[in-house]
Amino acid sequence: MPLAQSIPAAMLYDAILDAGITDIVAVPDTHQRSLIELIVERGTPPFIQAATEDEAIAIAAGMIIGGRRPLLQIQHAGLYACVNNLRGLGIDAEFPIPMLIGLLGRDVTRTPRDNHDSMVRYAEPLLDTLEIPHVLLDGPDDVERLGEACRQAWERSGPVAILVGAATI
């Protein structure tokens, strides 16, 4: 039995708007392709495509300085790639960066920590090591956690990870 179910892109899109997100800064994630296509199609919030996760964090930080509330959208490989910028800007400089992170390649019959794929298996322990709060969206019933996680990022002035457990549809 699957532990994670795909979430319709429209549900995530509505949750993003309801959370007060003003911009999406992304390094495109195959896992969240349907959501990206919907955001681009609708044109709001603005979708800014970065070349690297480090660049995406820097863009998000600049937007925050300008009074915006961006959402960083990446996949788990990007989480590993941007640890130093995430530490420096998100943690040390206290930038409230909510991050929507796709767990590409996850075996949905297992918890992320029990997956064979090390990229999936180590994502939560890495976030724990960095003391970054995280939530797992394992299906449509979890979508309200996106808004809660965004509010937590803004209240704590630091990053919060929102892990997407199965590919969006």
N, C-alpha and C. Protein backbone atom coordinates (compact mmCIF):
# COMPACT_ATOMS: atom_id res chain seq x y z
N MET A 1 0.82 -1.19 0.00
CA MET A 1 0.00 0.00 0.00
C MET A 1 0.87 1.26 0.00
N PRO A 2 0.53 2.21 -0.85
CA PRO A 2 1.30 3.46 -0.85
C PRO A 2 1.06 4.26 0.43
N LEU A 3 2.12 4.84 0.93
CA LEU A 3 2.02 5.77 2.06
C LEU A 3 1.78 7.19 1.55
N ALA A 4 2.27 7.44 0.33
CA ALA A 4 2.13 8.77 -0.27
C ALA A 4 1.26 8.69 -1.51
N GLN A 5 0.43 9.71 -1.69
CA GLN A 5 -0.43 9.82 -2.86
C GLN A 5 -0.13 11.13 -3.56
N SER A 6 -0.29 11.14 -4.86
CA SER A 6 -0.09 12.37 -5.62
C SER A 6 -1.10 13.43 -5.21
N ILE A 7 -0.64 14.65 -5.19
CA ILE A 7 -1.50 15.79 -4.87
C ILE A 7 -1.78 16.54 -6.16
N PRO A 8 -3.04 16.84 -6.43
CA PRO A 8 -3.35 17.62 -7.63
C PRO A 8 -2.67 19.00 -7.57
N ALA A 9 -2.09 19.39 -8.68
CA ALA A 9 -1.40 20.67 -8.75
C ALA A 9 -2.31 21.82 -8.35
N ALA A 10 -3.58 21.76 -8.72
CA ALA A 10 -4.51 22.85 -8.40
C ALA A 10 -4.68 23.01 -6.90
N MET A 11 -4.65 21.91 -6.15
CA MET A 11 -4.74 22.01 -4.68
C MET A 11 -3.53 22.72 -4.10
N LEU A 12 -2.35 22.36 -4.56
CA LEU A 12 -1.13 23.02 -4.08
C LEU A 12 -1.11 24.49 -4.50
N TYR A 13 -1.53 24.75 -5.72
CA TYR A 13 -1.57 26.12 -6.21
C TYR A 13 -2.47 26.99 -5.31
N ASP A 14 -3.66 26.49 -5.02
CA ASP A 14 -4.58 27.24 -4.14
C ASP A 14 -3.97 27.45 -2.76
N ALA A 15 -3.29 26.42 -2.23
CA ALA A 15 -2.65 26.54 -0.91
C ALA A 15 -1.54 27.59 -0.93
N ILE A 16 -0.81 27.67 -2.03
CA ILE A 16 0.25 28.68 -2.18
C ILE A 16 -0.36 30.08 -2.15
N LEU A 17 -1.44 30.28 -2.90
CA LEU A 17 -2.10 31.59 -2.91
C LEU A 17 -2.67 31.91 -1.53
N ASP A 18 -3.33 30.94 -0.91
CA ASP A 18 -3.92 31.16 0.42
C ASP A 18 -2.87 31.49 1.47
N ALA A 19 -1.66 30.96 1.29
CA ALA A 19 -0.58 31.20 2.27
C ALA A 19 0.02 32.59 2.15
N GLY A 20 -0.33 33.34 1.11
CA GLY A 20 0.22 34.68 0.95
C GLY A 20 1.55 34.73 0.22
N ILE A 21 1.88 33.67 -0.49
CA ILE A 21 3.12 33.64 -1.27
C ILE A 21 3.00 34.65 -2.41
N THR A 22 4.02 35.49 -2.56
CA THR A 22 3.99 36.52 -3.60
C THR A 22 4.75 36.13 -4.85
N ASP A 23 5.70 35.20 -4.71
CA ASP A 23 6.55 34.83 -5.84
C ASP A 23 7.02 33.39 -5.64
N ILE A 24 7.31 32.71 -6.74
CA ILE A 24 7.91 31.38 -6.71
C ILE A 24 9.30 31.52 -7.32
N VAL A 25 10.31 31.12 -6.57
CA VAL A 25 11.69 31.11 -7.09
C VAL A 25 12.07 29.64 -7.17
N ALA A 26 12.41 29.18 -8.36
CA ALA A 26 12.55 27.74 -8.54
C ALA A 26 13.74 27.34 -9.40
N VAL A 27 14.24 26.18 -9.08
CA VAL A 27 15.06 25.41 -10.00
C VAL A 27 14.13 24.25 -10.32
N PRO A 28 13.59 24.20 -11.53
CA PRO A 28 12.51 23.27 -11.82
C PRO A 28 12.75 21.84 -11.35
N ASP A 29 11.68 21.25 -10.83
CA ASP A 29 11.67 19.93 -10.24
C ASP A 29 10.71 19.05 -11.02
N THR A 30 11.22 17.99 -11.61
CA THR A 30 10.39 17.05 -12.36
C THR A 30 9.25 16.53 -11.51
N HIS A 31 9.50 16.32 -10.25
CA HIS A 31 8.53 15.79 -9.29
C HIS A 31 7.31 16.71 -9.16
N GLN A 32 7.52 18.02 -9.36
CA GLN A 32 6.45 19.01 -9.22
C GLN A 32 6.10 19.66 -10.56
N ARG A 33 6.36 18.95 -11.65
CA ARG A 33 6.19 19.51 -13.00
C ARG A 33 4.78 20.05 -13.23
N SER A 34 3.76 19.31 -12.82
CA SER A 34 2.39 19.77 -13.08
C SER A 34 2.09 21.06 -12.33
N LEU A 35 2.64 21.23 -11.14
CA LEU A 35 2.45 22.47 -10.39
C LEU A 35 3.16 23.62 -11.08
N ILE A 36 4.38 23.39 -11.52
CA ILE A 36 5.13 24.44 -12.23
C ILE A 36 4.37 24.88 -13.48
N GLU A 37 3.88 23.91 -14.24
CA GLU A 37 3.15 24.23 -15.47
C GLU A 37 1.91 25.07 -15.16
N LEU A 38 1.21 24.76 -14.09
CA LEU A 38 0.02 25.50 -13.70
C LEU A 38 0.37 26.93 -13.29
N ILE A 39 1.43 27.09 -12.49
CA ILE A 39 1.85 28.43 -12.06
C ILE A 39 2.23 29.29 -13.27
N VAL A 40 3.01 28.72 -14.16
CA VAL A 40 3.44 29.46 -15.36
C VAL A 40 2.23 29.81 -16.23
N GLU A 41 1.32 28.86 -16.39
CA GLU A 41 0.12 29.08 -17.20
C GLU A 41 -0.74 30.21 -16.64
N ARG A 42 -0.90 30.23 -15.33
CA ARG A 42 -1.77 31.24 -14.71
C ARG A 42 -1.06 32.59 -14.54
N GLY A 43 0.26 32.58 -14.50
CA GLY A 43 1.02 33.82 -14.44
C GLY A 43 1.10 34.48 -13.08
N THR A 44 0.49 33.89 -12.10
CA THR A 44 0.55 34.45 -10.75
C THR A 44 0.52 33.33 -9.74
N PRO A 45 1.32 33.37 -8.72
CA PRO A 45 2.35 34.38 -8.49
C PRO A 45 3.45 34.29 -9.55
N PRO A 46 4.22 35.36 -9.70
CA PRO A 46 5.30 35.33 -10.68
C PRO A 46 6.25 34.14 -10.42
N PHE A 47 6.66 33.50 -11.51
CA PHE A 47 7.56 32.35 -11.45
C PHE A 47 8.94 32.77 -11.95
N ILE A 48 9.92 32.72 -11.07
CA ILE A 48 11.29 33.10 -11.41
C ILE A 48 12.12 31.84 -11.44
N GLN A 49 12.65 31.52 -12.60
CA GLN A 49 13.47 30.32 -12.74
C GLN A 49 14.94 30.66 -12.55
N ALA A 50 15.56 30.02 -11.58
CA ALA A 50 16.98 30.22 -11.31
C ALA A 50 17.79 29.09 -11.94
N ALA A 51 19.07 29.35 -12.14
CA ALA A 51 19.95 28.33 -12.71
C ALA A 51 20.41 27.32 -11.67
N THR A 52 20.59 27.78 -10.43
CA THR A 52 21.05 26.90 -9.36
C THR A 52 20.27 27.20 -8.09
N GLU A 53 20.31 26.28 -7.16
CA GLU A 53 19.64 26.49 -5.89
C GLU A 53 20.30 27.62 -5.09
N ASP A 54 21.61 27.74 -5.17
CA ASP A 54 22.29 28.86 -4.50
C ASP A 54 21.76 30.19 -5.02
N GLU A 55 21.63 30.28 -6.34
CA GLU A 55 21.10 31.49 -6.95
C GLU A 55 19.65 31.73 -6.49
N ALA A 56 18.86 30.66 -6.43
CA ALA A 56 17.46 30.78 -6.01
C ALA A 56 17.34 31.33 -4.59
N ILE A 57 18.19 30.86 -3.70
CA ILE A 57 18.17 31.36 -2.32
C ILE A 57 18.55 32.83 -2.27
N ALA A 58 19.55 33.22 -3.05
CA ALA A 58 19.96 34.63 -3.08
C ALA A 58 18.84 35.52 -3.64
N ILE A 59 18.17 35.05 -4.69
CA ILE A 59 17.05 35.81 -5.26
C ILE A 59 15.93 35.94 -4.23
N ALA A 60 15.61 34.83 -3.57
CA ALA A 60 14.56 34.85 -2.55
C ALA A 60 14.92 35.83 -1.43
N ALA A 61 16.17 35.82 -1.01
CA ALA A 61 16.60 36.74 0.06
C ALA A 61 16.43 38.19 -0.38
N GLY A 62 16.80 38.51 -1.60
CA GLY A 62 16.61 39.86 -2.11
C GLY A 62 15.14 40.25 -2.14
N MET A 63 14.30 39.32 -2.52
CA MET A 63 12.86 39.60 -2.54
C MET A 63 12.33 39.86 -1.14
N ILE A 64 12.81 39.08 -0.17
CA ILE A 64 12.39 39.26 1.22
C ILE A 64 12.78 40.65 1.71
N ILE A 65 13.99 41.09 1.38
CA ILE A 65 14.43 42.44 1.75
C ILE A 65 13.48 43.48 1.16
N GLY A 66 12.98 43.19 -0.04
CA GLY A 66 12.05 44.10 -0.71
C GLY A 66 10.60 43.96 -0.26
N GLY A 67 10.35 43.15 0.77
CA GLY A 67 9.00 43.04 1.32
C GLY A 67 8.15 41.94 0.71
N ARG A 68 8.73 41.10 -0.12
CA ARG A 68 7.99 40.02 -0.76
C ARG A 68 8.02 38.77 0.13
N ARG A 69 7.19 37.80 -0.20
CA ARG A 69 7.13 36.52 0.52
C ARG A 69 7.27 35.38 -0.49
N PRO A 70 8.50 35.11 -0.92
CA PRO A 70 8.69 34.07 -1.93
C PRO A 70 8.68 32.66 -1.34
N LEU A 71 8.40 31.71 -2.22
CA LEU A 71 8.49 30.29 -1.92
C LEU A 71 9.59 29.73 -2.80
N LEU A 72 10.53 29.01 -2.21
CA LEU A 72 11.60 28.35 -2.95
C LEU A 72 11.08 26.98 -3.36
N GLN A 73 11.15 26.66 -4.65
CA GLN A 73 10.67 25.37 -5.15
C GLN A 73 11.84 24.63 -5.80
N ILE A 74 12.22 23.49 -5.19
CA ILE A 74 13.37 22.71 -5.65
C ILE A 74 13.08 21.22 -5.45
N GLN A 75 14.02 20.38 -5.85
CA GLN A 75 13.92 18.96 -5.50
C GLN A 75 15.00 18.64 -4.48
N HIS A 76 14.95 17.45 -3.94
CA HIS A 76 15.86 17.10 -2.85
C HIS A 76 17.33 17.19 -3.22
N ALA A 77 17.69 16.92 -4.45
CA ALA A 77 19.09 17.06 -4.85
C ALA A 77 19.54 18.51 -4.70
N GLY A 78 18.63 19.43 -4.96
CA GLY A 78 18.93 20.85 -4.79
C GLY A 78 19.11 21.25 -3.34
N LEU A 79 18.41 20.57 -2.45
CA LEU A 79 18.61 20.82 -1.03
C LEU A 79 20.06 20.57 -0.65
N TYR A 80 20.59 19.46 -1.11
CA TYR A 80 21.99 19.13 -0.81
C TYR A 80 22.94 20.14 -1.46
N ALA A 81 22.59 20.59 -2.66
CA ALA A 81 23.46 21.50 -3.41
C ALA A 81 23.57 22.89 -2.79
N CYS A 82 22.57 23.30 -2.00
CA CYS A 82 22.55 24.68 -1.51
C CYS A 82 22.74 24.81 -0.01
N VAL A 83 23.29 23.80 0.63
CA VAL A 83 23.40 23.82 2.09
C VAL A 83 24.14 25.05 2.60
N ASN A 84 25.22 25.46 1.97
CA ASN A 84 25.97 26.60 2.49
C ASN A 84 25.17 27.90 2.40
N ASN A 85 24.53 28.16 1.26
CA ASN A 85 23.70 29.37 1.15
C ASN A 85 22.50 29.30 2.08
N LEU A 86 21.92 28.13 2.22
CA LEU A 86 20.79 27.95 3.12
C LEU A 86 21.21 28.22 4.56
N ARG A 87 22.37 27.74 4.93
CA ARG A 87 22.90 28.00 6.28
C ARG A 87 23.17 29.49 6.46
N GLY A 88 23.89 30.08 5.51
CA GLY A 88 24.30 31.48 5.65
C GLY A 88 23.14 32.45 5.61
N LEU A 89 22.26 32.33 4.63
CA LEU A 89 21.16 33.28 4.48
C LEU A 89 19.92 32.87 5.28
N GLY A 90 19.56 31.61 5.19
CA GLY A 90 18.35 31.17 5.88
C GLY A 90 18.51 31.09 7.38
N ILE A 91 19.60 30.45 7.82
CA ILE A 91 19.77 30.21 9.25
C ILE A 91 20.50 31.37 9.93
N ASP A 92 21.72 31.66 9.51
CA ASP A 92 22.50 32.70 10.20
C ASP A 92 21.93 34.10 10.01
N ALA A 93 21.52 34.44 8.79
CA ALA A 93 20.97 35.77 8.53
C ALA A 93 19.46 35.84 8.80
N GLU A 94 18.87 34.71 9.13
CA GLU A 94 17.47 34.62 9.56
C GLU A 94 16.46 35.08 8.50
N PHE A 95 16.66 34.62 7.27
CA PHE A 95 15.69 34.90 6.22
C PHE A 95 14.60 33.84 6.25
N PRO A 96 13.33 34.26 6.31
CA PRO A 96 12.23 33.30 6.34
C PRO A 96 11.95 32.73 4.94
N ILE A 97 12.51 31.58 4.69
CA ILE A 97 12.40 30.98 3.36
C ILE A 97 11.64 29.66 3.44
N PRO A 98 10.34 29.67 3.09
CA PRO A 98 9.65 28.39 2.96
C PRO A 98 10.12 27.71 1.67
N MET A 99 10.36 26.40 1.77
CA MET A 99 10.92 25.64 0.65
C MET A 99 10.01 24.46 0.33
N LEU A 100 9.53 24.38 -0.90
CA LEU A 100 8.74 23.26 -1.36
C LEU A 100 9.70 22.32 -2.08
N ILE A 101 9.94 21.15 -1.47
CA ILE A 101 11.00 20.26 -1.94
C ILE A 101 10.42 18.92 -2.37
N GLY A 102 10.56 18.59 -3.64
CA GLY A 102 10.08 17.32 -4.17
C GLY A 102 11.04 16.19 -3.84
N LEU A 103 10.48 15.06 -3.40
CA LEU A 103 11.28 13.87 -3.10
C LEU A 103 11.27 12.95 -4.32
N LEU A 104 11.90 13.40 -5.38
CA LEU A 104 11.96 12.67 -6.64
C LEU A 104 12.54 11.27 -6.44
N GLY A 105 11.86 10.27 -6.98
CA GLY A 105 12.37 8.90 -6.90
C GLY A 105 12.00 8.18 -5.62
N ARG A 106 11.19 8.78 -4.80
CA ARG A 106 10.78 8.14 -3.55
C ARG A 106 9.95 6.89 -3.83
N ASP A 107 10.22 5.83 -3.13
CA ASP A 107 9.37 4.66 -3.11
C ASP A 107 8.21 5.01 -2.19
N VAL A 108 7.03 5.23 -2.76
CA VAL A 108 5.90 5.73 -1.98
C VAL A 108 5.28 4.68 -1.06
N THR A 109 5.81 3.47 -1.10
CA THR A 109 5.35 2.44 -0.16
C THR A 109 6.18 2.47 1.13
N ARG A 110 7.15 3.36 1.19
CA ARG A 110 8.02 3.49 2.36
C ARG A 110 8.05 4.94 2.84
N THR A 111 8.36 5.13 4.11
CA THR A 111 8.57 6.49 4.60
C THR A 111 9.84 7.02 3.94
N PRO A 112 10.01 8.34 3.89
CA PRO A 112 11.24 8.86 3.31
C PRO A 112 12.50 8.29 3.99
N ARG A 113 12.50 8.18 5.30
CA ARG A 113 13.67 7.68 6.02
C ARG A 113 13.95 6.20 5.77
N ASP A 114 12.96 5.47 5.28
CA ASP A 114 13.13 4.04 5.00
C ASP A 114 13.35 3.74 3.53
N ASN A 115 13.57 4.76 2.71
CA ASN A 115 13.77 4.56 1.29
C ASN A 115 15.15 4.03 0.97
N HIS A 116 15.22 3.30 -0.13
CA HIS A 116 16.52 2.78 -0.59
C HIS A 116 17.38 3.92 -1.16
N ASP A 117 16.73 4.88 -1.80
CA ASP A 117 17.44 6.00 -2.43
C ASP A 117 18.00 6.93 -1.34
N SER A 118 19.31 7.08 -1.32
CA SER A 118 19.93 7.90 -0.26
C SER A 118 19.53 9.37 -0.35
N MET A 119 19.23 9.87 -1.55
CA MET A 119 18.80 11.27 -1.68
C MET A 119 17.49 11.50 -0.94
N VAL A 120 16.61 10.53 -0.98
CA VAL A 120 15.34 10.62 -0.26
C VAL A 120 15.58 10.34 1.22
N ARG A 121 16.29 9.29 1.51
CA ARG A 121 16.50 8.83 2.89
C ARG A 121 17.19 9.86 3.78
N TYR A 122 18.13 10.63 3.24
CA TYR A 122 18.89 11.57 4.05
C TYR A 122 18.31 12.98 4.11
N ALA A 123 17.24 13.27 3.36
CA ALA A 123 16.69 14.63 3.32
C ALA A 123 16.22 15.08 4.71
N GLU A 124 15.40 14.29 5.37
CA GLU A 124 14.91 14.68 6.69
C GLU A 124 16.03 14.74 7.73
N PRO A 125 16.94 13.75 7.77
CA PRO A 125 18.05 13.87 8.73
C PRO A 125 18.93 15.11 8.47
N LEU A 126 19.11 15.50 7.21
CA LEU A 126 19.87 16.72 6.92
C LEU A 126 19.14 17.93 7.48
N LEU A 127 17.85 18.01 7.24
CA LEU A 127 17.06 19.13 7.78
C LEU A 127 17.11 19.14 9.30
N ASP A 128 17.06 17.97 9.93
CA ASP A 128 17.16 17.88 11.38
C ASP A 128 18.52 18.39 11.86
N THR A 129 19.59 18.01 11.16
CA THR A 129 20.94 18.45 11.52
C THR A 129 21.04 19.97 11.46
N LEU A 130 20.42 20.56 10.44
CA LEU A 130 20.45 22.01 10.27
C LEU A 130 19.40 22.72 11.14
N GLU A 131 18.65 21.94 11.90
CA GLU A 131 17.57 22.46 12.76
C GLU A 131 16.55 23.25 11.96
N ILE A 132 16.23 22.74 10.77
CA ILE A 132 15.21 23.34 9.92
C ILE A 132 13.93 22.52 10.08
N PRO A 133 12.87 23.15 10.59
CA PRO A 133 11.61 22.42 10.71
C PRO A 133 11.13 21.94 9.34
N HIS A 134 10.44 20.82 9.35
CA HIS A 134 9.94 20.29 8.08
C HIS A 134 8.64 19.56 8.28
N VAL A 135 7.82 19.58 7.21
CA VAL A 135 6.57 18.83 7.16
C VAL A 135 6.58 18.01 5.89
N LEU A 136 5.83 16.92 5.93
CA LEU A 136 5.73 16.02 4.78
C LEU A 136 4.32 16.07 4.24
N LEU A 137 4.19 16.37 2.97
CA LEU A 137 2.89 16.33 2.30
C LEU A 137 2.81 14.98 1.58
N ASP A 138 2.11 14.04 2.19
CA ASP A 138 2.00 12.70 1.63
C ASP A 138 0.67 12.44 0.95
N GLY A 139 -0.08 13.49 0.70
CA GLY A 139 -1.34 13.34 0.00
C GLY A 139 -2.20 14.57 0.16
N PRO A 140 -3.35 14.58 -0.51
CA PRO A 140 -4.24 15.74 -0.48
C PRO A 140 -4.65 16.18 0.93
N ASP A 141 -4.76 15.24 1.86
CA ASP A 141 -5.16 15.61 3.23
C ASP A 141 -4.11 16.43 3.96
N ASP A 142 -2.90 16.47 3.44
CA ASP A 142 -1.80 17.19 4.10
C ASP A 142 -1.58 18.60 3.55
N VAL A 143 -2.32 18.99 2.54
CA VAL A 143 -2.05 20.25 1.84
C VAL A 143 -2.12 21.47 2.76
N GLU A 144 -3.00 21.45 3.77
CA GLU A 144 -3.09 22.62 4.66
C GLU A 144 -1.79 22.86 5.41
N ARG A 145 -0.93 21.87 5.48
CA ARG A 145 0.34 22.03 6.17
C ARG A 145 1.26 23.02 5.44
N LEU A 146 1.02 23.23 4.15
CA LEU A 146 1.84 24.19 3.39
C LEU A 146 1.70 25.58 3.99
N GLY A 147 0.48 26.03 4.20
CA GLY A 147 0.27 27.36 4.79
C GLY A 147 0.84 27.46 6.19
N GLU A 148 0.67 26.40 6.98
CA GLU A 148 1.21 26.38 8.33
C GLU A 148 2.74 26.51 8.30
N ALA A 149 3.37 25.81 7.37
CA ALA A 149 4.83 25.86 7.27
C ALA A 149 5.31 27.24 6.84
N CYS A 150 4.59 27.87 5.92
CA CYS A 150 4.96 29.23 5.50
C CYS A 150 4.86 30.20 6.67
N ARG A 151 3.78 30.11 7.42
CA ARG A 151 3.64 30.98 8.60
C ARG A 151 4.75 30.71 9.60
N GLN A 152 5.12 29.46 9.77
CA GLN A 152 6.20 29.12 10.70
C GLN A 152 7.52 29.75 10.25
N ALA A 153 7.80 29.73 8.96
CA ALA A 153 9.03 30.35 8.44
C ALA A 153 9.04 31.83 8.77
N TRP A 154 7.92 32.52 8.54
CA TRP A 154 7.86 33.96 8.77
C TRP A 154 7.94 34.27 10.26
N GLU A 155 7.31 33.46 11.08
CA GLU A 155 7.33 33.71 12.53
C GLU A 155 8.69 33.44 13.15
N ARG A 156 9.39 32.43 12.67
CA ARG A 156 10.68 32.07 13.26
C ARG A 156 11.85 32.79 12.58
N SER A 157 11.57 33.49 11.47
CA SER A 157 12.61 34.14 10.67
C SER A 157 13.70 33.14 10.31
N GLY A 158 13.28 32.11 9.62
CA GLY A 158 14.21 31.09 9.17
C GLY A 158 13.54 30.15 8.20
N PRO A 159 14.32 29.28 7.58
CA PRO A 159 13.76 28.36 6.60
C PRO A 159 12.88 27.28 7.24
N VAL A 160 11.91 26.84 6.47
CA VAL A 160 11.07 25.70 6.81
C VAL A 160 10.90 24.89 5.52
N ALA A 161 11.03 23.58 5.62
CA ALA A 161 10.92 22.71 4.45
C ALA A 161 9.56 22.04 4.40
N ILE A 162 8.99 22.03 3.20
CA ILE A 162 7.73 21.35 2.91
C ILE A 162 8.07 20.27 1.89
N LEU A 163 8.12 19.03 2.34
CA LEU A 163 8.52 17.92 1.47
C LEU A 163 7.31 17.36 0.75
N VAL A 164 7.42 17.22 -0.57
CA VAL A 164 6.33 16.68 -1.38
C VAL A 164 6.64 15.21 -1.62
N GLY A 165 5.81 14.33 -1.01
CA GLY A 165 6.12 12.91 -0.95
C GLY A 165 5.91 12.12 -2.23
N ALA A 166 5.01 12.55 -3.09
CA ALA A 166 4.75 11.86 -4.36
C ALA A 166 4.62 12.93 -5.44
N ALA A 167 4.88 12.53 -6.67
CA ALA A 167 4.82 13.48 -7.79
C ALA A 167 3.43 14.12 -7.88
N THR A 168 3.40 15.40 -8.15
CA THR A 168 2.13 16.09 -8.30
C THR A 168 1.45 15.67 -9.60
N ILE A 169 0.14 15.81 -9.63
CA ILE A 169 -0.62 15.47 -10.84
C ILE A 169 -1.43 16.67 -11.29
